[in-house]
């Protein structure tokens, strides 16, 4: 967080491309993020 400097997420990159983000705030750890959000094509199919 730019104000509190508290940890909010962990990010996986390969080269210049993001390939995974995990929210680390309590209650959000298992929320699908990045390209895999619930309203994405894969999110709607798997859900």
ModelCIF file with pLDDT and N, C-alpha, C, O atoms, coordinates in Angstrom:
data_MODEL
#
_entry.id   MODEL 
#
_entity.id                         1 
_entity.type                       polymer 
_entity.pdbx_number_of_molecules   1 
#
_entity_poly.entity_id                      1 
_entity_poly.type                           'polypeptide(L)' 
_entity_poly.nstd_linkage                   no 
_entity_poly.nstd_monomer                   no 
_entity_poly.pdbx_seq_one_letter_code       
;(UNK)(UNK)(UNK)(UNK)(UNK)(UNK)(UNK)(UNK)(UNK)(UNK)(UNK)(UNK)(UNK)(UNK)(UNK)(UNK)
(UNK)(UNK)(UNK)(UNK)(UNK)(UNK)(UNK)(UNK)(UNK)(UNK)(UNK)(UNK)(UNK)(UNK)(UNK)(UNK)
(UNK)(UNK)(UNK)(UNK)(UNK)(UNK)(UNK)(UNK)(UNK)(UNK)(UNK)(UNK)(UNK)(UNK)(UNK)
;
_entity_poly.pdbx_seq_one_letter_code_can   XXXXXXXXXXXXXXXXXXXXXXXXXXXXXXXXXXXXXXXXXXXXXXX 
_entity_poly.pdbx_strand_id                 A 
#
loop_
_entity_poly_seq.entity_id 
_entity_poly_seq.num 
_entity_poly_seq.mon_id 
_entity_poly_seq.hetero 
1 1  UNK n 
1 2  UNK n 
1 3  UNK n 
1 4  UNK n 
1 5  UNK n 
1 6  UNK n 
1 7  UNK n 
1 8  UNK n 
1 9  UNK n 
1 10 UNK n 
1 11 UNK n 
1 12 UNK n 
1 13 UNK n 
1 14 UNK n 
1 15 UNK n 
1 16 UNK n 
1 17 UNK n 
1 18 UNK n 
1 19 UNK n 
1 20 UNK n 
1 21 UNK n 
1 22 UNK n 
1 23 UNK n 
1 24 UNK n 
1 25 UNK n 
1 26 UNK n 
1 27 UNK n 
1 28 UNK n 
1 29 UNK n 
1 30 UNK n 
1 31 UNK n 
1 32 UNK n 
1 33 UNK n 
1 34 UNK n 
1 35 UNK n 
1 36 UNK n 
1 37 UNK n 
1 38 UNK n 
1 39 UNK n 
1 40 UNK n 
1 41 UNK n 
1 42 UNK n 
1 43 UNK n 
1 44 UNK n 
1 45 UNK n 
1 46 UNK n 
1 47 UNK n 
#
_struct_asym.id          A 
_struct_asym.entity_id   1 
#
loop_
_ma_qa_metric.id 
_ma_qa_metric.mode 
_ma_qa_metric.name 
_ma_qa_metric.software_group_id 
_ma_qa_metric.type 
1 global pLDDT . pLDDT 
2 local  pLDDT . pLDDT 
#
_ma_qa_metric_global.metric_id      1 
_ma_qa_metric_global.metric_value   90.38 
_ma_qa_metric_global.model_id       1 
_ma_qa_metric_global.ordinal_id     1 
#
loop_
_ma_qa_metric_local.label_asym_id 
_ma_qa_metric_local.label_comp_id 
_ma_qa_metric_local.label_seq_id 
_ma_qa_metric_local.metric_id 
_ma_qa_metric_local.metric_value 
_ma_qa_metric_local.model_id 
_ma_qa_metric_local.ordinal_id 
A UNK 1  2 84.00 1 1  
A UNK 2  2 81.00 1 2  
A UNK 3  2 83.00 1 3  
A UNK 4  2 84.00 1 4  
A UNK 5  2 84.00 1 5  
A UNK 6  2 87.00 1 6  
A UNK 7  2 90.00 1 7  
A UNK 8  2 92.00 1 8  
A UNK 9  2 93.00 1 9  
A UNK 10 2 94.00 1 10 
A UNK 11 2 94.00 1 11 
A UNK 12 2 93.00 1 12 
A UNK 13 2 86.00 1 13 
A UNK 14 2 80.00 1 14 
A UNK 15 2 68.00 1 15 
A UNK 16 2 66.00 1 16 
A UNK 17 2 76.00 1 17 
A UNK 18 2 82.00 1 18 
A UNK 19 2 85.00 1 19 
A UNK 20 2 91.00 1 20 
A UNK 21 2 94.00 1 21 
A UNK 22 2 96.00 1 22 
A UNK 23 2 94.00 1 23 
A UNK 24 2 92.00 1 24 
A UNK 25 2 91.00 1 25 
A UNK 26 2 91.00 1 26 
A UNK 27 2 91.00 1 27 
A UNK 28 2 93.00 1 28 
A UNK 29 2 94.00 1 29 
A UNK 30 2 95.00 1 30 
A UNK 31 2 95.00 1 31 
A UNK 32 2 95.00 1 32 
A UNK 33 2 95.00 1 33 
A UNK 34 2 94.00 1 34 
A UNK 35 2 93.00 1 35 
A UNK 36 2 95.00 1 36 
A UNK 37 2 95.00 1 37 
A UNK 38 2 95.00 1 38 
A UNK 39 2 96.00 1 39 
A UNK 40 2 96.00 1 40 
A UNK 41 2 96.00 1 41 
A UNK 42 2 96.00 1 42 
A UNK 43 2 96.00 1 43 
A UNK 44 2 97.00 1 44 
A UNK 45 2 97.00 1 45 
A UNK 46 2 97.00 1 46 
A UNK 47 2 96.00 1 47 
#
loop_
_atom_site.group_PDB 
_atom_site.id 
_atom_site.type_symbol 
_atom_site.label_atom_id 
_atom_site.label_alt_id 
_atom_site.label_comp_id 
_atom_site.label_asym_id 
_atom_site.label_entity_id 
_atom_site.label_seq_id 
_atom_site.pdbx_PDB_ins_code 
_atom_site.Cartn_x 
_atom_site.Cartn_y 
_atom_site.Cartn_z 
_atom_site.occupancy 
_atom_site.B_iso_or_equiv 
_atom_site.pdbx_formal_charge 
_atom_site.auth_seq_id 
_atom_site.auth_comp_id 
_atom_site.auth_asym_id 
_atom_site.auth_atom_id 
_atom_site.pdbx_PDB_model_num 
ATOM 1   N N  . UNK A 1 1  ? 0.852   -1.180  0.000   1.00 84.00 ? 1  UNK A N  1 
ATOM 2   C CA . UNK A 1 1  ? 0.000   0.000   0.000   1.00 84.00 ? 1  UNK A CA 1 
ATOM 3   C C  . UNK A 1 1  ? 0.893   1.238   0.000   1.00 84.00 ? 1  UNK A C  1 
ATOM 4   O O  . UNK A 1 1  ? 1.777   1.350   0.849   1.00 84.00 ? 1  UNK A O  1 
ATOM 5   N N  . UNK A 1 2  ? 0.684   2.172   -0.934  1.00 81.00 ? 2  UNK A N  1 
ATOM 6   C CA . UNK A 1 2  ? 1.577   3.340   -1.011  1.00 81.00 ? 2  UNK A CA 1 
ATOM 7   C C  . UNK A 1 2  ? 1.504   4.253   0.201   1.00 81.00 ? 2  UNK A C  1 
ATOM 8   O O  . UNK A 1 2  ? 2.423   5.037   0.438   1.00 81.00 ? 2  UNK A O  1 
ATOM 9   N N  . UNK A 1 3  ? 0.419   4.165   0.977   1.00 83.00 ? 3  UNK A N  1 
ATOM 10  C CA . UNK A 1 3  ? 0.267   5.039   2.146   1.00 83.00 ? 3  UNK A CA 1 
ATOM 11  C C  . UNK A 1 3  ? 0.801   4.363   3.400   1.00 83.00 ? 3  UNK A C  1 
ATOM 12  O O  . UNK A 1 3  ? 1.609   4.940   4.129   1.00 83.00 ? 3  UNK A O  1 
ATOM 13  N N  . UNK A 1 4  ? 0.343   3.128   3.651   1.00 84.00 ? 4  UNK A N  1 
ATOM 14  C CA . UNK A 1 4  ? 0.710   2.443   4.896   1.00 84.00 ? 4  UNK A CA 1 
ATOM 15  C C  . UNK A 1 4  ? 1.927   1.546   4.755   1.00 84.00 ? 4  UNK A C  1 
ATOM 16  O O  . UNK A 1 4  ? 2.490   1.091   5.751   1.00 84.00 ? 4  UNK A O  1 
ATOM 17  N N  . UNK A 1 5  ? 2.335   1.290   3.505   1.00 84.00 ? 5  UNK A N  1 
ATOM 18  C CA . UNK A 1 5  ? 3.460   0.392   3.220   1.00 84.00 ? 5  UNK A CA 1 
ATOM 19  C C  . UNK A 1 5  ? 3.184   -1.043  3.676   1.00 84.00 ? 5  UNK A C  1 
ATOM 20  O O  . UNK A 1 5  ? 4.118   -1.833  3.810   1.00 84.00 ? 5  UNK A O  1 
ATOM 21  N N  . UNK A 1 6  ? 1.945   -1.382  3.909   1.00 87.00 ? 6  UNK A N  1 
ATOM 22  C CA . UNK A 1 6  ? 1.598   -2.744  4.310   1.00 87.00 ? 6  UNK A CA 1 
ATOM 23  C C  . UNK A 1 6  ? 1.481   -3.633  3.080   1.00 87.00 ? 6  UNK A C  1 
ATOM 24  O O  . UNK A 1 6  ? 1.107   -3.168  2.003   1.00 87.00 ? 6  UNK A O  1 
ATOM 25  N N  . UNK A 1 7  ? 1.804   -4.916  3.243   1.00 90.00 ? 7  UNK A N  1 
ATOM 26  C CA . UNK A 1 7  ? 1.774   -5.876  2.150   1.00 90.00 ? 7  UNK A CA 1 
ATOM 27  C C  . UNK A 1 7  ? 0.335   -6.133  1.718   1.00 90.00 ? 7  UNK A C  1 
ATOM 28  O O  . UNK A 1 7  ? -0.522  -6.427  2.551   1.00 90.00 ? 7  UNK A O  1 
ATOM 29  N N  . UNK A 1 8  ? 0.065   -6.021  0.405   1.00 92.00 ? 8  UNK A N  1 
ATOM 30  C CA . UNK A 1 8  ? -1.293  -6.238  -0.098  1.00 92.00 ? 8  UNK A CA 1 
ATOM 31  C C  . UNK A 1 8  ? -1.388  -7.418  -1.061  1.00 92.00 ? 8  UNK A C  1 
ATOM 32  O O  . UNK A 1 8  ? -2.426  -8.076  -1.123  1.00 92.00 ? 8  UNK A O  1 
ATOM 33  N N  . UNK A 1 9  ? -0.320  -7.697  -1.814  1.00 93.00 ? 9  UNK A N  1 
ATOM 34  C CA . UNK A 1 9  ? -0.394  -8.770  -2.808  1.00 93.00 ? 9  UNK A CA 1 
ATOM 35  C C  . UNK A 1 9  ? 0.993   -9.294  -3.121  1.00 93.00 ? 9  UNK A C  1 
ATOM 36  O O  . UNK A 1 9  ? 1.999   -8.626  -2.883  1.00 93.00 ? 9  UNK A O  1 
ATOM 37  N N  . UNK A 1 10 ? 1.027   -10.511 -3.663  1.00 94.00 ? 10 UNK A N  1 
ATOM 38  C CA . UNK A 1 10 ? 2.268   -11.140 -4.127  1.00 94.00 ? 10 UNK A CA 1 
ATOM 39  C C  . UNK A 1 10 ? 2.128   -11.408 -5.618  1.00 94.00 ? 10 UNK A C  1 
ATOM 40  O O  . UNK A 1 10 ? 1.090   -11.892 -6.068  1.00 94.00 ? 10 UNK A O  1 
ATOM 41  N N  . UNK A 1 11 ? 3.176   -11.092 -6.392  1.00 94.00 ? 11 UNK A N  1 
ATOM 42  C CA . UNK A 1 11 ? 3.080   -11.106 -7.851  1.00 94.00 ? 11 UNK A CA 1 
ATOM 43  C C  . UNK A 1 11 ? 4.148   -12.029 -8.437  1.00 94.00 ? 11 UNK A C  1 
ATOM 44  O O  . UNK A 1 11 ? 5.303   -12.014 -8.011  1.00 94.00 ? 11 UNK A O  1 
ATOM 45  N N  . UNK A 1 12 ? 3.742   -12.831 -9.419  1.00 93.00 ? 12 UNK A N  1 
ATOM 46  C CA . UNK A 1 12 ? 4.654   -13.692 -10.171 1.00 93.00 ? 12 UNK A CA 1 
ATOM 47  C C  . UNK A 1 12 ? 4.838   -13.112 -11.564 1.00 93.00 ? 12 UNK A C  1 
ATOM 48  O O  . UNK A 1 12 ? 3.860   -12.870 -12.271 1.00 93.00 ? 12 UNK A O  1 
ATOM 49  N N  . UNK A 1 13 ? 6.085   -12.888 -11.963 1.00 86.00 ? 13 UNK A N  1 
ATOM 50  C CA . UNK A 1 13 ? 6.365   -12.419 -13.319 1.00 86.00 ? 13 UNK A CA 1 
ATOM 51  C C  . UNK A 1 13 ? 7.364   -13.349 -13.990 1.00 86.00 ? 13 UNK A C  1 
ATOM 52  O O  . UNK A 1 13 ? 8.230   -13.936 -13.342 1.00 86.00 ? 13 UNK A O  1 
ATOM 53  N N  . UNK A 1 14 ? 7.222   -13.467 -15.291 1.00 80.00 ? 14 UNK A N  1 
ATOM 54  C CA . UNK A 1 14 ? 8.190   -14.192 -16.122 1.00 80.00 ? 14 UNK A CA 1 
ATOM 55  C C  . UNK A 1 14 ? 8.612   -13.227 -17.214 1.00 80.00 ? 14 UNK A C  1 
ATOM 56  O O  . UNK A 1 14 ? 7.831   -12.915 -18.113 1.00 80.00 ? 14 UNK A O  1 
ATOM 57  N N  . UNK A 1 15 ? 9.857   -12.752 -17.134 1.00 68.00 ? 15 UNK A N  1 
ATOM 58  C CA . UNK A 1 15 ? 10.275  -11.700 -18.035 1.00 68.00 ? 15 UNK A CA 1 
ATOM 59  C C  . UNK A 1 15 ? 9.548   -10.412 -17.698 1.00 68.00 ? 15 UNK A C  1 
ATOM 60  O O  . UNK A 1 15 ? 9.644   -9.911  -16.578 1.00 68.00 ? 15 UNK A O  1 
ATOM 61  N N  . UNK A 1 16 ? 8.819   -9.873  -18.673 1.00 66.00 ? 16 UNK A N  1 
ATOM 62  C CA . UNK A 1 16 ? 8.095   -8.618  -18.462 1.00 66.00 ? 16 UNK A CA 1 
ATOM 63  C C  . UNK A 1 16 ? 6.607   -8.846  -18.247 1.00 66.00 ? 16 UNK A C  1 
ATOM 64  O O  . UNK A 1 16 ? 5.840   -7.884  -18.199 1.00 66.00 ? 16 UNK A O  1 
ATOM 65  N N  . UNK A 1 17 ? 6.186   -10.097 -18.117 1.00 76.00 ? 17 UNK A N  1 
ATOM 66  C CA . UNK A 1 17 ? 4.759   -10.419 -18.108 1.00 76.00 ? 17 UNK A CA 1 
ATOM 67  C C  . UNK A 1 17 ? 4.328   -10.961 -16.751 1.00 76.00 ? 17 UNK A C  1 
ATOM 68  O O  . UNK A 1 17 ? 4.978   -11.842 -16.188 1.00 76.00 ? 17 UNK A O  1 
ATOM 69  N N  . UNK A 1 18 ? 3.223   -10.426 -16.231 1.00 82.00 ? 18 UNK A N  1 
ATOM 70  C CA . UNK A 1 18 ? 2.646   -10.919 -14.978 1.00 82.00 ? 18 UNK A CA 1 
ATOM 71  C C  . UNK A 1 18 ? 1.908   -12.226 -15.254 1.00 82.00 ? 18 UNK A C  1 
ATOM 72  O O  . UNK A 1 18 ? 1.126   -12.314 -16.200 1.00 82.00 ? 18 UNK A O  1 
ATOM 73  N N  . UNK A 1 19 ? 2.159   -13.243 -14.426 1.00 85.00 ? 19 UNK A N  1 
ATOM 74  C CA . UNK A 1 19 ? 1.508   -14.545 -14.611 1.00 85.00 ? 19 UNK A CA 1 
ATOM 75  C C  . UNK A 1 19 ? 0.832   -15.035 -13.348 1.00 85.00 ? 19 UNK A C  1 
ATOM 76  O O  . UNK A 1 19 ? 0.482   -16.212 -13.255 1.00 85.00 ? 19 UNK A O  1 
ATOM 77  N N  . UNK A 1 20 ? 0.642   -14.170 -12.383 1.00 91.00 ? 20 UNK A N  1 
ATOM 78  C CA . UNK A 1 20 ? -0.099  -14.555 -11.196 1.00 91.00 ? 20 UNK A CA 1 
ATOM 79  C C  . UNK A 1 20 ? -0.022  -13.481 -10.135 1.00 91.00 ? 20 UNK A C  1 
ATOM 80  O O  . UNK A 1 20 ? 1.039   -12.905 -9.895  1.00 91.00 ? 20 UNK A O  1 
ATOM 81  N N  . UNK A 1 21 ? -1.163  -13.210 -9.493  1.00 94.00 ? 21 UNK A N  1 
ATOM 82  C CA . UNK A 1 21 ? -1.220  -12.243 -8.392  1.00 94.00 ? 21 UNK A CA 1 
ATOM 83  C C  . UNK A 1 21 ? -2.074  -12.858 -7.290  1.00 94.00 ? 21 UNK A C  1 
ATOM 84  O O  . UNK A 1 21 ? -3.173  -13.349 -7.549  1.00 94.00 ? 21 UNK A O  1 
ATOM 85  N N  . UNK A 1 22 ? -1.571  -12.830 -6.073  1.00 96.00 ? 22 UNK A N  1 
ATOM 86  C CA . UNK A 1 22 ? -2.366  -13.320 -4.945  1.00 96.00 ? 22 UNK A CA 1 
ATOM 87  C C  . UNK A 1 22 ? -2.542  -12.209 -3.918  1.00 96.00 ? 22 UNK A C  1 
ATOM 88  O O  . UNK A 1 22 ? -1.567  -11.653 -3.414  1.00 96.00 ? 22 UNK A O  1 
ATOM 89  N N  . UNK A 1 23 ? -3.801  -11.894 -3.616  1.00 94.00 ? 23 UNK A N  1 
ATOM 90  C CA . UNK A 1 23 ? -4.080  -10.949 -2.534  1.00 94.00 ? 23 UNK A CA 1 
ATOM 91  C C  . UNK A 1 23 ? -3.722  -11.608 -1.209  1.00 94.00 ? 23 UNK A C  1 
ATOM 92  O O  . UNK A 1 23 ? -4.057  -12.771 -0.985  1.00 94.00 ? 23 UNK A O  1 
ATOM 93  N N  . UNK A 1 24 ? -3.049  -10.883 -0.336  1.00 92.00 ? 24 UNK A N  1 
ATOM 94  C CA . UNK A 1 24 ? -2.640  -11.454 0.951   1.00 92.00 ? 24 UNK A CA 1 
ATOM 95  C C  . UNK A 1 24 ? -3.424  -10.858 2.111   1.00 92.00 ? 24 UNK A C  1 
ATOM 96  O O  . UNK A 1 24 ? -3.188  -11.228 3.262   1.00 92.00 ? 24 UNK A O  1 
ATOM 97  N N  . UNK A 1 25 ? -4.350  -9.944  1.837   1.00 91.00 ? 25 UNK A N  1 
ATOM 98  C CA . UNK A 1 25 ? -5.172  -9.395  2.909   1.00 91.00 ? 25 UNK A CA 1 
ATOM 99  C C  . UNK A 1 25 ? -6.133  -10.473 3.408   1.00 91.00 ? 25 UNK A C  1 
ATOM 100 O O  . UNK A 1 25 ? -6.614  -11.276 2.608   1.00 91.00 ? 25 UNK A O  1 
ATOM 101 N N  . UNK A 1 26 ? -6.423  -10.509 4.715   1.00 91.00 ? 26 UNK A N  1 
ATOM 102 C CA . UNK A 1 26 ? -7.289  -11.555 5.286   1.00 91.00 ? 26 UNK A CA 1 
ATOM 103 C C  . UNK A 1 26 ? -8.630  -11.634 4.559   1.00 91.00 ? 26 UNK A C  1 
ATOM 104 O O  . UNK A 1 26 ? -9.294  -10.622 4.334   1.00 91.00 ? 26 UNK A O  1 
ATOM 105 N N  . UNK A 1 27 ? -9.013  -12.867 4.195   1.00 91.00 ? 27 UNK A N  1 
ATOM 106 C CA . UNK A 1 27 ? -10.274 -13.109 3.516   1.00 91.00 ? 27 UNK A CA 1 
ATOM 107 C C  . UNK A 1 27 ? -10.200 -13.035 2.010   1.00 91.00 ? 27 UNK A C  1 
ATOM 108 O O  . UNK A 1 27 ? -11.147 -13.426 1.328   1.00 91.00 ? 27 UNK A O  1 
ATOM 109 N N  . UNK A 1 28 ? -9.088  -12.540 1.470   1.00 93.00 ? 28 UNK A N  1 
ATOM 110 C CA . UNK A 1 28 ? -8.972  -12.392 0.016   1.00 93.00 ? 28 UNK A CA 1 
ATOM 111 C C  . UNK A 1 28 ? -7.945  -13.346 -0.586  1.00 93.00 ? 28 UNK A C  1 
ATOM 112 O O  . UNK A 1 28 ? -7.692  -13.299 -1.790  1.00 93.00 ? 28 UNK A O  1 
ATOM 113 N N  . UNK A 1 29 ? -7.349  -14.214 0.237   1.00 94.00 ? 29 UNK A N  1 
ATOM 114 C CA . UNK A 1 29 ? -6.239  -15.045 -0.235  1.00 94.00 ? 29 UNK A CA 1 
ATOM 115 C C  . UNK A 1 29 ? -6.634  -16.002 -1.358  1.00 94.00 ? 29 UNK A C  1 
ATOM 116 O O  . UNK A 1 29 ? -5.807  -16.328 -2.209  1.00 94.00 ? 29 UNK A O  1 
ATOM 117 N N  . UNK A 1 30 ? -7.881  -16.453 -1.370  1.00 95.00 ? 30 UNK A N  1 
ATOM 118 C CA . UNK A 1 30 ? -8.294  -17.437 -2.373  1.00 95.00 ? 30 UNK A CA 1 
ATOM 119 C C  . UNK A 1 30 ? -9.164  -16.835 -3.476  1.00 95.00 ? 30 UNK A C  1 
ATOM 120 O O  . UNK A 1 30 ? -9.767  -17.572 -4.256  1.00 95.00 ? 30 UNK A O  1 
ATOM 121 N N  . UNK A 1 31 ? -9.233  -15.508 -3.550  1.00 95.00 ? 31 UNK A N  1 
ATOM 122 C CA . UNK A 1 31 ? -10.003 -14.860 -4.613  1.00 95.00 ? 31 UNK A CA 1 
ATOM 123 C C  . UNK A 1 31 ? -9.190  -14.911 -5.905  1.00 95.00 ? 31 UNK A C  1 
ATOM 124 O O  . UNK A 1 31 ? -8.070  -14.401 -5.933  1.00 95.00 ? 31 UNK A O  1 
ATOM 125 N N  . UNK A 1 32 ? -9.719  -15.515 -6.982  1.00 95.00 ? 32 UNK A N  1 
ATOM 126 C CA . UNK A 1 32 ? -8.987  -15.554 -8.252  1.00 95.00 ? 32 UNK A CA 1 
ATOM 127 C C  . UNK A 1 32 ? -8.734  -14.148 -8.789  1.00 95.00 ? 32 UNK A C  1 
ATOM 128 O O  . UNK A 1 32 ? -9.623  -13.297 -8.772  1.00 95.00 ? 32 UNK A O  1 
ATOM 129 N N  . UNK A 1 33 ? -7.536  -13.921 -9.254  1.00 95.00 ? 33 UNK A N  1 
ATOM 130 C CA . UNK A 1 33 ? -7.119  -12.586 -9.699  1.00 95.00 ? 33 UNK A CA 1 
ATOM 131 C C  . UNK A 1 33 ? -6.591  -12.637 -11.124 1.00 95.00 ? 33 UNK A C  1 
ATOM 132 O O  . UNK A 1 33 ? -6.696  -13.654 -11.809 1.00 95.00 ? 33 UNK A O  1 
ATOM 133 N N  . UNK A 1 34 ? -6.029  -11.530 -11.548 1.00 94.00 ? 34 UNK A N  1 
ATOM 134 C CA . UNK A 1 34 ? -5.375  -11.334 -12.853 1.00 94.00 ? 34 UNK A CA 1 
ATOM 135 C C  . UNK A 1 34 ? -6.272  -11.826 -13.987 1.00 94.00 ? 34 UNK A C  1 
ATOM 136 O O  . UNK A 1 34 ? -7.442  -11.452 -14.055 1.00 94.00 ? 34 UNK A O  1 
ATOM 137 N N  . UNK A 1 35 ? -5.732  -12.667 -14.883 1.00 93.00 ? 35 UNK A N  1 
ATOM 138 C CA . UNK A 1 35 ? -6.496  -13.117 -16.048 1.00 93.00 ? 35 UNK A CA 1 
ATOM 139 C C  . UNK A 1 35 ? -7.593  -14.111 -15.693 1.00 93.00 ? 35 UNK A C  1 
ATOM 140 O O  . UNK A 1 35 ? -8.389  -14.497 -16.550 1.00 93.00 ? 35 UNK A O  1 
ATOM 141 N N  . UNK A 1 36 ? -7.635  -14.524 -14.434 1.00 95.00 ? 36 UNK A N  1 
ATOM 142 C CA . UNK A 1 36 ? -8.496  -15.636 -14.032 1.00 95.00 ? 36 UNK A CA 1 
ATOM 143 C C  . UNK A 1 36 ? -9.635  -15.191 -13.114 1.00 95.00 ? 36 UNK A C  1 
ATOM 144 O O  . UNK A 1 36 ? -10.212 -16.008 -12.398 1.00 95.00 ? 36 UNK A O  1 
ATOM 145 N N  . UNK A 1 37 ? -9.960  -13.886 -13.136 1.00 95.00 ? 37 UNK A N  1 
ATOM 146 C CA . UNK A 1 37 ? -11.019 -13.347 -12.276 1.00 95.00 ? 37 UNK A CA 1 
ATOM 147 C C  . UNK A 1 37 ? -12.342 -14.051 -12.558 1.00 95.00 ? 37 UNK A C  1 
ATOM 148 O O  . UNK A 1 37 ? -12.510 -14.678 -13.604 1.00 95.00 ? 37 UNK A O  1 
ATOM 149 N N  . UNK A 1 38 ? -13.271 -13.943 -11.626 1.00 95.00 ? 38 UNK A N  1 
ATOM 150 C CA . UNK A 1 38 ? -14.519 -14.718 -11.705 1.00 95.00 ? 38 UNK A CA 1 
ATOM 151 C C  . UNK A 1 38 ? -15.345 -14.375 -12.939 1.00 95.00 ? 38 UNK A C  1 
ATOM 152 O O  . UNK A 1 38 ? -16.077 -15.228 -13.441 1.00 95.00 ? 38 UNK A O  1 
ATOM 153 N N  . UNK A 1 39 ? -15.245 -13.157 -13.432 1.00 96.00 ? 39 UNK A N  1 
ATOM 154 C CA . UNK A 1 39 ? -16.034 -12.771 -14.601 1.00 96.00 ? 39 UNK A CA 1 
ATOM 155 C C  . UNK A 1 39 ? -15.254 -12.938 -15.909 1.00 96.00 ? 39 UNK A C  1 
ATOM 156 O O  . UNK A 1 39 ? -15.731 -12.528 -16.967 1.00 96.00 ? 39 UNK A O  1 
ATOM 157 N N  . UNK A 1 40 ? -14.076 -13.529 -15.848 1.00 96.00 ? 40 UNK A N  1 
ATOM 158 C CA . UNK A 1 40 ? -13.321 -13.828 -17.068 1.00 96.00 ? 40 UNK A CA 1 
ATOM 159 C C  . UNK A 1 40 ? -13.904 -15.079 -17.719 1.00 96.00 ? 40 UNK A C  1 
ATOM 160 O O  . UNK A 1 40 ? -14.726 -15.772 -17.119 1.00 96.00 ? 40 UNK A O  1 
ATOM 161 N N  . UNK A 1 41 ? -13.478 -15.364 -18.945 1.00 96.00 ? 41 UNK A N  1 
ATOM 162 C CA . UNK A 1 41 ? -13.997 -16.528 -19.648 1.00 96.00 ? 41 UNK A CA 1 
ATOM 163 C C  . UNK A 1 41 ? -13.733 -17.826 -18.918 1.00 96.00 ? 41 UNK A C  1 
ATOM 164 O O  . UNK A 1 41 ? -14.619 -18.673 -18.810 1.00 96.00 ? 41 UNK A O  1 
ATOM 165 N N  . UNK A 1 42 ? -12.518 -17.990 -18.414 1.00 96.00 ? 42 UNK A N  1 
ATOM 166 C CA . UNK A 1 42 ? -12.204 -19.228 -17.696 1.00 96.00 ? 42 UNK A CA 1 
ATOM 167 C C  . UNK A 1 42 ? -12.904 -19.266 -16.348 1.00 96.00 ? 42 UNK A C  1 
ATOM 168 O O  . UNK A 1 42 ? -13.306 -20.335 -15.888 1.00 96.00 ? 42 UNK A O  1 
ATOM 169 N N  . UNK A 1 43 ? -13.056 -18.092 -15.701 1.00 96.00 ? 43 UNK A N  1 
ATOM 170 C CA . UNK A 1 43 ? -13.742 -18.047 -14.411 1.00 96.00 ? 43 UNK A CA 1 
ATOM 171 C C  . UNK A 1 43 ? -15.184 -18.482 -14.523 1.00 96.00 ? 43 UNK A C  1 
ATOM 172 O O  . UNK A 1 43 ? -15.660 -19.269 -13.704 1.00 96.00 ? 43 UNK A O  1 
ATOM 173 N N  . UNK A 1 44 ? -15.891 -17.981 -15.529 1.00 97.00 ? 44 UNK A N  1 
ATOM 174 C CA . UNK A 1 44 ? -17.296 -18.344 -15.724 1.00 97.00 ? 44 UNK A CA 1 
ATOM 175 C C  . UNK A 1 44 ? -17.440 -19.826 -16.076 1.00 97.00 ? 44 UNK A C  1 
ATOM 176 O O  . UNK A 1 44 ? -18.396 -20.473 -15.649 1.00 97.00 ? 44 UNK A O  1 
ATOM 177 N N  . UNK A 1 45 ? -16.516 -20.356 -16.835 1.00 97.00 ? 45 UNK A N  1 
ATOM 178 C CA . UNK A 1 45 ? -16.602 -21.768 -17.235 1.00 97.00 ? 45 UNK A CA 1 
ATOM 179 C C  . UNK A 1 45 ? -16.349 -22.698 -16.057 1.00 97.00 ? 45 UNK A C  1 
ATOM 180 O O  . UNK A 1 45 ? -17.126 -23.624 -15.822 1.00 97.00 ? 45 UNK A O  1 
ATOM 181 N N  . UNK A 1 46 ? -15.271 -22.464 -15.315 1.00 97.00 ? 46 UNK A N  1 
ATOM 182 C CA . UNK A 1 46 ? -14.935 -23.346 -14.206 1.00 97.00 ? 46 UNK A CA 1 
ATOM 183 C C  . UNK A 1 46 ? -15.925 -23.213 -13.056 1.00 97.00 ? 46 UNK A C  1 
ATOM 184 O O  . UNK A 1 46 ? -16.215 -24.196 -12.374 1.00 97.00 ? 46 UNK A O  1 
ATOM 185 N N  . UNK A 1 47 ? -16.446 -22.007 -12.836 1.00 96.00 ? 47 UNK A N  1 
ATOM 186 C CA . UNK A 1 47 ? -17.422 -21.824 -11.751 1.00 96.00 ? 47 UNK A CA 1 
ATOM 187 C C  . UNK A 1 47 ? -18.721 -22.562 -12.036 1.00 96.00 ? 47 UNK A C  1 
ATOM 188 O O  . UNK A 1 47 ? -19.648 -22.514 -11.227 1.00 96.00 ? 47 UNK A O  1 
#
